[in-house]
Each structure stands twice: as C-alpha cells, then as structure tokens.
Protein backbone atom coordinates (compact mmCIF):
# COMPACT_ATOMS: atom_id res chain seq x y z
CA UNK A 1 108.91 158.41 102.12
CA UNK A 2 105.30 157.89 103.16
CA UNK A 3 104.35 157.38 99.49
CA UNK A 4 107.02 154.68 99.13
CA UNK A 5 105.75 152.86 102.23
CA UNK A 6 102.18 153.08 100.92
CA UNK A 7 103.22 151.63 97.54
CA UNK A 8 105.12 148.81 99.28
CA UNK A 9 102.13 148.01 101.52
CA UNK A 10 99.80 147.88 98.51
CA UNK A 11 102.25 145.58 96.71
CA UNK A 12 102.55 143.21 99.67
CA UNK A 13 98.78 143.15 100.19
CA UNK A 14 98.36 142.06 96.59
CA UNK A 15 100.61 139.02 97.02
CA UNK A 16 98.94 135.61 97.57
CA UNK A 17 98.85 134.30 101.15
CA UNK A 18 100.69 131.15 100.08
CA UNK A 19 102.89 130.21 97.16
CA UNK A 20 102.32 126.58 96.13
CA UNK A 21 104.82 124.61 94.08
CA UNK A 22 103.35 121.44 92.54
CA UNK A 23 105.14 118.74 90.51
CA UNK A 24 105.35 119.28 86.78
CA UNK A 25 104.68 115.62 85.96
CA UNK A 26 101.10 114.24 86.04
CA UNK A 27 99.74 113.19 89.45
CA UNK A 28 98.68 109.53 89.64
CA UNK A 29 96.06 108.12 92.01
CA UNK A 30 97.70 106.88 95.23
CA UNK A 31 101.30 107.67 94.17
CA UNK A 32 103.47 109.94 96.33
CA UNK A 33 104.53 113.38 95.10
CA UNK A 34 106.12 116.44 96.68
CA UNK A 35 104.59 119.88 97.06
CA UNK A 36 106.06 123.02 98.62
CA UNK A 37 104.22 125.78 100.47
CA UNK A 38 105.94 129.16 100.89
CA UNK A 39 103.99 131.36 103.30
CA UNK A 40 104.40 134.43 105.49
CA UNK A 41 101.62 133.31 107.84
CA UNK A 42 101.09 130.19 110.03
CA UNK A 43 99.92 127.38 107.75
CA UNK A 44 97.46 124.65 108.77
CA UNK A 45 98.11 121.48 106.76
CA UNK A 46 94.41 120.62 107.06
CA UNK A 47 93.98 123.10 104.20
CA UNK A 48 95.59 120.48 101.94
CA UNK A 49 92.62 118.11 102.34
CA UNK A 50 91.59 115.88 100.65
CA UNK A 51 95.31 115.12 100.19
CA UNK A 52 97.07 112.81 102.65
CA UNK A 53 100.31 114.61 103.56
CA UNK A 54 103.49 114.08 105.58
CA UNK A 55 105.71 117.04 106.54
CA UNK A 56 109.27 116.48 105.24
CA UNK A 57 110.99 119.77 106.20
CA UNK A 58 110.34 123.29 107.51
CA UNK A 59 112.77 126.12 106.64
CA UNK A 60 112.64 129.81 107.52
CA UNK A 61 113.57 132.25 104.76
CA UNK A 62 113.50 135.79 106.15
CA UNK A 63 109.88 136.68 106.87
CA UNK A 64 108.58 133.57 105.09
CA UNK A 65 108.54 129.87 105.84
CA UNK A 66 108.94 127.04 103.33
CA UNK A 67 107.17 123.73 104.06
CA UNK A 68 107.90 120.58 102.05
CA UNK A 69 105.30 117.80 102.09
CA UNK A 70 105.08 114.28 100.70
CA UNK A 71 101.48 113.96 99.50
CA UNK A 72 99.12 111.36 98.04
CA UNK A 73 95.70 111.83 96.47
CA UNK A 74 92.98 109.17 96.58
CA UNK A 75 90.46 110.96 94.36
CA UNK A 76 90.32 110.94 90.56
CA UNK A 77 89.83 113.78 88.11
CA UNK A 78 89.87 117.44 89.08
CA UNK A 79 90.68 117.97 92.79
CA UNK A 80 90.58 121.49 94.27
CA UNK A 81 92.69 122.41 97.32
CA UNK A 82 91.18 125.14 99.57
CA UNK A 83 94.29 127.35 99.51
CA UNK A 84 94.69 131.07 98.86
CA UNK A 85 94.31 131.16 95.91
CA UNK A 86 92.69 127.72 95.36
CA UNK A 87 94.82 125.18 93.52
CA UNK A 88 93.46 122.53 91.17
CA UNK A 89 95.09 119.13 90.59
CA UNK A 90 94.39 116.71 87.77
CA UNK A 91 94.67 113.17 89.15
CA UNK A 92 94.97 110.34 86.64
CA UNK A 93 94.06 106.70 87.21
CA UNK A 94 96.85 104.26 88.04
CA UNK A 95 95.25 101.64 85.76
CA UNK A 96 96.50 101.21 82.17
CA UNK A 97 94.44 102.75 79.38
CA UNK A 98 93.23 100.68 77.67
CA UNK A 99 93.32 97.86 80.23
CA UNK A 100 94.01 95.23 77.54
CA UNK A 101 92.61 91.72 77.07
CA UNK A 102 93.25 88.51 78.96
CA UNK A 103 96.14 86.30 77.87
CA UNK A 104 95.24 82.65 77.34
CA UNK A 105 97.48 79.63 76.57
CA UNK A 106 97.85 79.28 72.82
CA UNK A 107 97.92 75.46 72.81
CA UNK A 108 94.84 74.73 74.94
CA UNK A 109 94.27 73.98 78.60
CA UNK A 110 95.91 70.58 79.01
CA UNK A 111 99.63 70.34 79.82
CA UNK A 112 101.03 66.86 79.35
CA UNK A 113 102.45 65.62 82.69
CA UNK A 114 106.06 64.56 82.88
CA UNK A 115 107.05 61.00 83.82
CA UNK A 116 108.03 61.96 87.39
CA UNK A 117 104.88 63.97 88.11
CA UNK A 118 102.90 60.83 89.12
CA UNK A 119 105.27 60.23 92.03
CA UNK A 120 104.98 63.89 93.07
CA UNK A 121 101.18 63.58 92.98
CA UNK A 122 101.25 60.38 95.06
CA UNK A 123 103.57 61.98 97.66
CA UNK A 124 101.27 65.03 97.86
CA UNK A 125 98.23 62.86 98.56
CA UNK A 126 100.16 60.94 101.21
CA UNK A 127 101.21 64.12 102.98
CA UNK A 128 97.63 65.41 102.80
CA UNK A 129 96.33 62.19 104.37
CA UNK A 130 98.85 62.45 107.24
CA UNK A 131 97.89 66.09 107.84
CA UNK A 132 94.18 65.17 107.95
CA UNK A 133 94.85 62.42 110.49
CA UNK A 134 96.85 64.73 112.74
CA UNK A 135 94.15 67.41 112.52
CA UNK A 136 91.45 64.85 113.41
CA UNK A 137 93.34 63.60 116.48
CA UNK A 138 94.01 67.15 117.70
CA UNK A 139 90.37 68.10 117.14
CA UNK A 140 89.09 65.13 119.19
CA UNK A 141 91.45 65.84 122.10
CA UNK A 142 89.52 67.51 124.94
CA UNK A 143 90.39 71.12 125.64
CA UNK A 144 91.35 71.67 129.27
CA UNK A 145 90.15 74.93 130.74
CA UNK A 146 92.66 77.01 132.64
CA UNK A 147 91.82 79.68 135.19
CA UNK A 148 94.86 81.66 134.11
CA UNK A 149 93.51 82.23 130.57
CA UNK A 150 92.21 85.71 129.89
CA UNK A 151 90.11 86.86 126.93
CA UNK A 152 92.14 88.56 124.22
CA UNK A 153 91.41 92.27 124.04
CA UNK A 154 90.44 93.72 120.64
CA UNK A 155 93.25 95.37 118.73
CA UNK A 156 91.31 98.64 118.40
CA UNK A 157 88.23 99.96 120.23
CA UNK A 158 86.38 102.91 118.69
CA UNK A 159 84.50 103.70 121.93
CA UNK A 160 87.76 103.82 123.88
CA UNK A 161 89.26 106.12 121.26
CA UNK A 162 86.25 108.46 121.49
CA UNK A 163 86.50 108.57 125.31
CA UNK A 164 90.22 109.24 125.08
CA UNK A 165 89.56 112.07 122.61
CA UNK A 166 87.45 113.87 125.25
CA UNK A 167 90.33 113.70 127.71
CA UNK A 168 92.97 115.01 125.32
CA UNK A 169 91.61 118.55 125.44
CA UNK A 170 91.86 118.97 121.66
CA UNK A 171 89.93 121.94 120.25
CA UNK A 172 89.06 123.51 116.94
CA UNK A 173 90.03 121.77 113.72
CA UNK A 174 92.37 119.33 115.52
CA UNK A 175 89.44 117.88 117.49
CA UNK A 176 87.23 117.43 114.43
CA UNK A 177 90.08 115.91 112.38
CA UNK A 178 90.64 113.28 115.09
CA UNK A 179 86.90 112.66 115.53
CA UNK A 180 86.39 112.11 111.80
CA UNK A 181 89.44 109.82 111.64
CA UNK A 182 88.02 107.62 114.44
CA UNK A 183 84.62 107.33 112.70
CA UNK A 184 86.28 106.50 109.36
CA UNK A 185 88.49 103.82 110.95
CA UNK A 186 85.46 102.25 112.67
CA UNK A 187 83.63 102.09 109.32
CA UNK A 188 86.68 100.44 107.77
CA UNK A 189 87.07 97.86 110.57
CA UNK A 190 83.37 97.09 111.10
CA UNK A 191 82.03 97.22 107.51
CA UNK A 192 85.26 96.63 105.50
CA UNK A 193 84.74 99.94 103.69
CA UNK A 194 87.61 101.92 102.13
CA UNK A 195 86.55 104.77 104.41
CA UNK A 196 89.79 106.75 104.02
CA UNK A 197 88.97 107.39 100.35
CA UNK A 198 85.21 107.88 100.76
CA UNK A 199 83.57 111.28 101.19
CA UNK A 200 81.09 111.85 104.00
CA UNK A 201 78.18 111.60 101.56
CA UNK A 202 79.50 108.30 100.17
CA UNK A 203 79.70 106.85 103.69
CA UNK A 204 76.12 107.94 104.37
CA UNK A 205 74.98 106.33 101.12
CA UNK A 206 76.76 103.10 102.10
CA UNK A 207 75.16 103.12 105.59
CA UNK A 208 71.68 104.59 105.03
CA UNK A 209 70.19 103.26 108.30
CA UNK A 210 72.89 105.01 110.33
CA UNK A 211 72.04 108.51 109.07
CA UNK A 212 70.34 109.53 112.33
CA UNK A 213 73.66 109.42 114.21
CA UNK A 214 76.33 109.37 111.50
CA UNK A 215 75.10 112.36 109.47
CA UNK A 216 75.11 114.97 112.31
CA UNK A 217 78.62 113.90 113.31
CA UNK A 218 80.12 114.01 109.79
CA UNK A 219 78.31 117.18 108.74
CA UNK A 220 79.49 119.08 111.83
CA UNK A 221 83.08 117.97 111.14
CA UNK A 222 82.86 118.99 107.48
CA UNK A 223 81.46 122.44 108.28
CA UNK A 224 84.40 123.15 110.60
CA UNK A 225 87.04 121.69 108.27
CA UNK A 226 85.74 122.96 104.92
CA UNK A 227 83.02 125.50 105.73
CA UNK A 228 85.16 128.65 105.56
CA UNK A 229 83.35 131.58 107.18
CA UNK A 230 80.42 129.38 108.19
CA UNK A 231 82.75 127.36 110.43
CA UNK A 232 83.33 130.34 112.75
CA UNK A 233 79.94 129.82 114.42
CA UNK A 234 80.81 126.32 115.74
CA UNK A 235 84.63 126.39 115.66
CA UNK A 236 84.82 127.09 119.40
CA UNK A 237 81.33 125.91 120.37
CA UNK A 238 81.82 123.31 123.13
CA UNK A 239 78.19 122.14 122.90
CA UNK A 240 78.55 121.46 119.16
CA UNK A 241 81.82 119.64 119.77
CA UNK A 242 80.34 117.42 122.48
CA UNK A 243 77.24 116.82 120.35
CA UNK A 244 79.32 115.61 117.40
CA UNK A 245 81.28 113.24 119.67
CA UNK A 246 78.06 111.92 121.29
CA UNK A 247 76.58 111.18 117.86
CA UNK A 248 79.77 109.26 117.01
CA UNK A 249 79.45 107.25 120.24
CA UNK A 250 75.80 106.42 119.43
CA UNK A 251 76.78 105.34 115.92
CA UNK A 252 79.55 103.03 117.20
CA UNK A 253 77.29 101.50 119.87
CA UNK A 254 74.52 100.90 117.33
CA UNK A 255 76.86 99.10 114.97
CA UNK A 256 78.13 96.87 117.79
CA UNK A 257 74.73 96.00 119.35
CA UNK A 258 72.55 95.83 116.24
CA UNK A 259 75.16 95.03 113.64
CA UNK A 260 72.89 93.17 111.21
CA UNK A 261 70.47 96.08 110.81
CA UNK A 262 73.23 98.37 109.56
CA UNK A 263 74.84 96.17 106.93
CA UNK A 264 76.37 98.08 104.01
CA UNK A 265 73.74 99.09 101.51
CA UNK A 266 70.92 97.61 103.63
C-alpha cells in the first residue's frame, strides 16, 4: 500500500501546475480569443501578462479548478506566457499581406457636374455665409461673468489616483499592477502614447528626460510582476512600494509643471 501511495505521489508531482488550452486557429493582433486554465492551485491571472484578459467563468472539477478567459494580445510575433510550463503564442498582424496598391479613378480626376449641382453649390455657399454671420455676432457679444460658474474639473487626475492607491491598502502584485496602470494611463493622456501596448523600455525610450523618476518606478513594478524568484526580496517590502509610488508622483508632477521639457522623443 505504501508503494502504491509513493507511485501516485511521484505521478502527481510530475504533472504540470497548470493545463492551458489555447485556440487552434491563429491568434491575430488585437482580436479576442478564449483560453482555458485547469489548475489544482490558486491561479493569479497576472501570470497571463502581457495578455489583456477578462474572466468569463470559474468551475470546480474535483480537486481542480477550470478558468475560462477572453484574451487579447497587443504584441506581434512570438509571445511567451510565464506559466508552468511556459506557453508560447504566435501572434499575426491584422493587416493584409501584401497590403495592396491604391485604387485610383480610371477616367481621371474630373467628374462632370450635373445640371442641378450649380443650385446645390449656390445654396451651400448661402448657408455658409449665414453661419459665418451668426458666428461673428455671437463672438462679438460680450460674455457676462457669473459668480455661480465653477471651473470644470479634469476627467482624470493621475496624482489623485496615486494618492487613492495609498489609501486602498493594496499589497504585493495587486499594488504594482495598479501603480503601473496609473503611470501608463498618464502617459497616454499627457503624451498621446499608446502606452497600453508599449513595454517599459519603449516608454523610457519615448520619454528619455523622465528616466530619473520613471525608470525606478517601472523597473520596480516589472521585477515584482515578472522577476520570478528575484521578486521575493521586494514583494512585501513597504519601503520599496512607497518608493515606487513616490517616483510615480514625481514623474506626474514633472510632466504637469515642466511639460515642454519632457515632450516625446525630446
């Protein structure tokens, strides 16, 4: 009996920590696909980075749990997921190959106007003239100030989000995921960068003068999220966590106060 238990334990130990089911059809950049994780241990969906995922269902099957996700990938080529064992995806471009040439009119640029088009053109000019006159009268009308008017608050404030993050009490990977998301969103809003699909190094290359504050923040986040064993040293380090958030605050303040000195690629 003991020998049978020993053989069963060796067999179970040899099984992978997670079973991953990926779609059989090719994965296309930005298009949604489903993947399934079957695991006997608690699963952190941050291990699916750099995929963007949404949990569809969670089902228990004996001692295992099956998780279904809707996922999208915003990287091209070979993408490796840090699972056990690692999984590799081949992501194809959504653009046609080859892209094809431009289509031009076969009979030249000029299209002969119809007989009624002159009246349409005249009516369009008349309407345009009326609109210009109305705009001019409205523009010349003095604007009366009202004490009841209040300045419109910005739709999103990165500094407020960073202060709120400190009060949430988030720890570990959850804290660094939220911190990195706030920094990425600020880069997207302030510099019009596609920050959600840029790696940390690509953001640093796009904002070279912000390295002093942006690099320590992003590198600390990446070590915790993707550093494996190396992340254990700072995973629960409160000083490291506060330092990463303070660097993010300094970066946001610098981009608001001295915006011109941090232009993209400057």
